Amino acid sequence: MSNYTVERIKVATPDKVELMTKVFKPNEEIKDNLVVVLVHPYSILGGRQALLKGIASGLAQNGHRAVTFDMRGVGESIGRASLTGFAEVKDVIAVCNWVSEHLDSHRILLVGSSAGAPIAGSAVDQIEQVVGYVSLGYPFGMMASILFGRHHKAILQSSKPKLFVMGTRDGFTSVKQLNNKLSSAAGRNEIHLMEGVSHFEMEGPAYDAEMVKLILKFISSL
């Protein structure tokens, strides 16, 4: 038996999109008031909340509540996915507002994976309860910037603590591009490089346990 439970609920956005959402709760004592909200990779390339189940369950097994959700147009969530991810920022804000109200949490850590990272990054300063941000493979590179470049400014200007995790063989962003972007970023910015790991490898289940460890370490610093 697992030492956590999963509750399925639907969260409505201000523009009346219903999002299928899952709350991973520890069966034992909850460590603190902080809730981790995870934002999945690019919907149009098959991104969905199931990809984050390993990380969410790992966090729950370590005493933290974690929330995943399918953004608009994915799985049982209604609506239509957007190309640039700006409509999906509303989804992130709606889920965080639900967490704050229904899970009685005044501290939220936003974690975005791949294209979920720029989408989550655009929401960080729009949600008072967000106390930190973790990016897993932020697509800062030139080609990805055609789609997601307009999201960069929001997270780079945020003064909230940030952790950027990336593989050194990420095909969308080079280590040099990551360092250049963060060189002028506001606030506290940490980088953790996964040696020899590619973008989609890092998204895979083989690295879930490592991602959980990094997120837990970051939580302890908040």
Protein backbone atom coordinates (compact mmCIF):
# COMPACT_ATOMS: atom_id res chain seq x y z
CA MET A 1 0.00 0.00 0.00
CA SER A 2 1.15 3.51 -0.81
CA ASN A 3 1.50 6.00 2.02
CA TYR A 4 -0.39 8.72 0.17
CA THR A 5 -3.86 9.20 -1.29
CA VAL A 6 -4.97 10.90 -4.52
CA GLU A 7 -8.12 12.99 -4.75
CA ARG A 8 -9.59 13.94 -8.14
CA ILE A 9 -11.35 17.29 -8.38
CA LYS A 10 -12.30 19.81 -11.07
CA VAL A 11 -11.13 23.41 -10.88
CA ALA A 12 -12.88 26.14 -12.89
CA THR A 13 -10.96 29.06 -14.41
CA PRO A 14 -12.42 32.60 -14.66
CA ASP A 15 -13.12 31.94 -18.39
CA LYS A 16 -15.15 28.84 -17.40
CA VAL A 17 -12.66 26.12 -18.36
CA GLU A 18 -12.88 23.06 -16.10
CA LEU A 19 -9.51 21.50 -15.30
CA MET A 20 -9.11 17.91 -14.13
CA THR A 21 -6.88 18.17 -11.08
CA LYS A 22 -5.32 15.64 -8.71
CA VAL A 23 -4.27 16.28 -5.13
CA PHE A 24 -1.61 13.95 -3.70
CA LYS A 25 -1.86 13.90 0.10
CA PRO A 26 0.42 12.14 2.61
CA ASN A 27 -1.37 9.60 4.80
CA GLU A 28 0.96 10.45 7.66
CA GLU A 29 1.60 13.87 9.14
CA ILE A 30 1.82 16.76 6.67
CA LYS A 31 5.20 18.48 7.13
CA ASP A 32 4.09 22.07 6.69
CA ASN A 33 1.57 24.39 5.09
CA LEU A 34 3.44 24.50 1.75
CA VAL A 35 1.78 22.87 -1.29
CA VAL A 36 3.68 22.05 -4.49
CA VAL A 37 1.76 22.79 -7.72
CA LEU A 38 3.25 21.06 -10.77
CA VAL A 39 2.76 22.31 -14.34
CA HIS A 40 3.13 19.71 -17.11
CA PRO A 41 5.04 19.95 -20.44
CA TYR A 42 3.70 21.36 -23.72
CA SER A 43 0.11 20.23 -24.29
CA ILE A 44 0.44 20.26 -28.09
CA LEU A 45 3.31 17.74 -27.94
CA GLY A 46 1.42 15.38 -25.63
CA GLY A 47 2.18 17.01 -22.27
CA ARG A 48 -0.22 15.93 -19.52
CA GLN A 49 -0.35 15.68 -15.73
CA ALA A 50 0.35 11.92 -15.76
CA LEU A 51 3.98 12.76 -16.65
CA LEU A 52 4.33 14.40 -13.22
CA LYS A 53 2.75 11.60 -11.19
CA GLY A 54 6.14 10.20 -10.11
CA ILE A 55 7.32 13.54 -8.75
CA ALA A 56 3.97 14.33 -7.09
CA SER A 57 3.76 10.92 -5.40
CA GLY A 58 7.40 11.20 -4.28
CA LEU A 59 6.68 14.56 -2.65
CA ALA A 60 3.57 13.14 -0.94
CA GLN A 61 5.62 10.21 0.37
CA ASN A 62 7.93 12.79 1.90
CA GLY A 63 5.14 14.59 3.73
CA HIS A 64 4.25 17.34 1.24
CA ARG A 65 0.96 17.87 -0.51
CA ALA A 66 1.37 18.07 -4.30
CA VAL A 67 -1.10 19.04 -7.02
CA THR A 68 -1.06 18.13 -10.71
CA PHE A 69 -3.61 19.14 -13.35
CA ASP A 70 -4.30 18.81 -17.06
CA MET A 71 -4.17 22.22 -18.69
CA ARG A 72 -7.00 23.27 -21.00
CA GLY A 73 -7.61 20.93 -23.92
CA VAL A 74 -5.75 18.01 -22.32
CA GLY A 75 -7.33 14.77 -21.05
CA GLU A 76 -10.58 15.46 -19.19
CA SER A 77 -9.94 19.22 -19.05
CA ILE A 78 -12.17 21.14 -21.45
CA GLY A 79 -11.16 24.04 -23.68
CA ARG A 80 -8.44 24.34 -26.30
CA ALA A 81 -4.66 24.35 -25.86
CA SER A 82 -2.85 27.48 -27.07
CA LEU A 83 0.37 27.59 -29.09
CA THR A 84 2.22 30.07 -26.88
CA GLY A 85 0.92 29.02 -23.46
CA PHE A 86 -0.61 32.35 -22.42
CA ALA A 87 -4.14 30.98 -22.04
CA GLU A 88 -2.65 28.25 -19.84
CA VAL A 89 -1.25 30.85 -17.41
CA LYS A 90 -4.90 31.38 -16.38
CA ASP A 91 -5.06 27.64 -15.61
CA VAL A 92 -2.05 27.84 -13.29
CA ILE A 93 -3.48 30.86 -11.47
CA ALA A 94 -6.90 29.17 -11.07
CA VAL A 95 -5.38 25.99 -9.61
CA CYS A 96 -3.17 27.98 -7.20
CA ASN A 97 -6.18 30.03 -6.08
CA TRP A 98 -8.10 26.79 -5.49
CA VAL A 99 -5.17 25.38 -3.48
CA SER A 100 -4.97 28.50 -1.34
CA GLU A 101 -8.69 28.42 -0.59
CA HIS A 102 -9.47 24.70 -0.32
CA LEU A 103 -6.18 23.33 1.04
CA ASP A 104 -5.81 26.29 3.39
CA SER A 105 -2.31 26.99 2.14
CA HIS A 106 -0.61 30.38 2.19
CA ARG A 107 2.63 28.98 0.74
CA ILE A 108 2.81 27.49 -2.76
CA LEU A 109 5.87 26.27 -4.66
CA LEU A 110 5.33 26.34 -8.43
CA VAL A 111 7.21 23.67 -10.41
CA GLY A 112 7.13 23.76 -14.22
CA SER A 113 8.43 21.00 -16.50
CA SER A 114 9.69 21.86 -20.01
CA ALA A 115 7.12 24.25 -21.60
CA GLY A 116 5.32 24.16 -18.25
CA ALA A 117 8.26 26.15 -16.87
CA PRO A 118 7.66 29.36 -18.89
CA ILE A 119 3.90 29.02 -18.33
CA ALA A 120 4.40 28.65 -14.56
CA GLY A 121 7.00 31.42 -14.62
CA SER A 122 4.49 33.89 -16.05
CA ALA A 123 2.14 33.12 -13.14
CA VAL A 124 4.65 33.42 -10.27
CA ASP A 125 4.20 37.12 -9.50
CA GLN A 126 0.46 37.02 -10.21
CA ILE A 127 -0.11 34.76 -7.19
CA GLU A 128 0.67 36.20 -3.78
CA GLN A 129 0.89 32.75 -2.13
CA VAL A 130 3.71 31.55 -4.40
CA VAL A 131 6.92 31.64 -2.36
CA GLY A 132 9.28 29.99 -4.85
CA TYR A 133 9.69 28.52 -8.33
CA VAL A 134 11.42 25.46 -9.77
CA SER A 135 12.06 25.00 -13.49
CA LEU A 136 12.76 21.53 -14.86
CA GLY A 137 14.26 22.09 -18.31
CA TYR A 138 13.20 25.68 -19.13
CA PRO A 139 13.30 26.07 -22.96
CA PHE A 140 15.35 29.27 -23.19
CA GLY A 141 16.95 28.42 -26.57
CA MET A 142 16.45 30.33 -29.82
CA MET A 143 13.94 27.99 -31.51
CA ALA A 144 11.82 27.51 -28.37
CA SER A 145 11.85 31.27 -27.83
CA ILE A 146 9.74 31.72 -30.97
CA LEU A 147 6.88 30.16 -28.98
CA PHE A 148 7.78 30.99 -25.39
CA GLY A 149 10.07 34.04 -25.56
CA ARG A 150 7.39 36.42 -24.29
CA HIS A 151 7.24 34.45 -21.03
CA HIS A 152 10.93 35.01 -20.17
CA LYS A 153 10.64 38.53 -18.78
CA ALA A 154 8.13 37.63 -16.04
CA ILE A 155 10.25 35.00 -14.32
CA LEU A 156 13.59 36.76 -14.85
CA GLN A 157 12.21 39.92 -13.19
CA SER A 158 10.62 38.07 -10.27
CA SER A 159 12.39 38.54 -6.94
CA LYS A 160 11.05 35.22 -5.59
CA PRO A 161 13.62 32.40 -5.06
CA LYS A 162 14.17 30.29 -8.18
CA LEU A 163 15.84 26.97 -9.00
CA PHE A 164 16.64 26.00 -12.60
CA VAL A 165 17.33 22.29 -13.20
CA MET A 166 18.65 21.33 -16.63
CA GLY A 167 20.50 18.52 -18.37
CA THR A 168 23.85 19.45 -19.91
CA ARG A 169 22.69 17.79 -23.16
CA ASP A 170 19.35 19.62 -23.29
CA GLY A 171 18.49 20.03 -26.99
CA PHE A 172 16.46 23.21 -26.49
CA THR A 173 18.81 25.23 -24.27
CA SER A 174 22.58 25.18 -23.87
CA VAL A 175 24.28 25.70 -20.50
CA LYS A 176 25.70 28.95 -21.92
CA GLN A 177 22.22 30.18 -22.88
CA LEU A 178 20.91 29.34 -19.40
CA ASN A 179 23.76 31.19 -17.69
CA ASN A 180 23.35 34.21 -19.99
CA LYS A 181 19.63 34.43 -19.24
CA LEU A 182 20.11 34.20 -15.49
CA SER A 183 23.09 36.58 -15.34
CA SER A 184 20.77 39.58 -15.05
CA ALA A 185 17.82 37.86 -13.33
CA ALA A 186 16.40 39.41 -10.16
CA GLY A 187 16.42 37.75 -6.75
CA ARG A 188 17.98 34.43 -5.78
CA ASN A 189 18.68 32.11 -8.71
CA GLU A 190 20.11 28.60 -8.31
CA ILE A 191 21.21 26.27 -11.11
CA HIS A 192 21.49 22.49 -10.88
CA LEU A 193 22.95 20.75 -13.95
CA MET A 194 22.32 17.07 -14.69
CA GLU A 195 25.54 15.90 -16.34
CA GLY A 196 25.04 14.19 -19.72
CA VAL A 197 21.24 14.21 -19.50
CA SER A 198 19.02 15.33 -22.41
CA HIS A 199 15.79 17.32 -22.24
CA PHE A 200 13.36 14.44 -22.73
CA GLU A 201 15.45 12.05 -20.63
CA MET A 202 15.05 14.37 -17.67
CA GLU A 203 11.28 14.37 -18.20
CA GLY A 204 11.24 10.58 -17.96
CA PRO A 205 10.48 8.50 -14.87
CA ALA A 206 14.13 7.48 -14.41
CA TYR A 207 14.87 10.94 -12.98
CA ASP A 208 11.72 11.42 -10.88
CA ALA A 209 13.46 10.48 -7.61
CA GLU A 210 16.30 12.93 -8.35
CA MET A 211 13.79 15.70 -9.10
CA VAL A 212 12.00 14.99 -5.80
CA LYS A 213 15.30 15.28 -3.88
CA LEU A 214 16.13 18.61 -5.54
CA ILE A 215 12.65 20.02 -4.88
CA LEU A 216 12.74 18.91 -1.23
CA LYS A 217 16.16 20.53 -0.75
CA PHE A 218 14.86 23.75 -2.32
CA ILE A 219 11.76 23.69 -0.07
CA SER A 220 14.00 23.47 3.00
CA SER A 221 15.69 26.72 1.93
CA LEU A 222 12.47 28.72 1.61
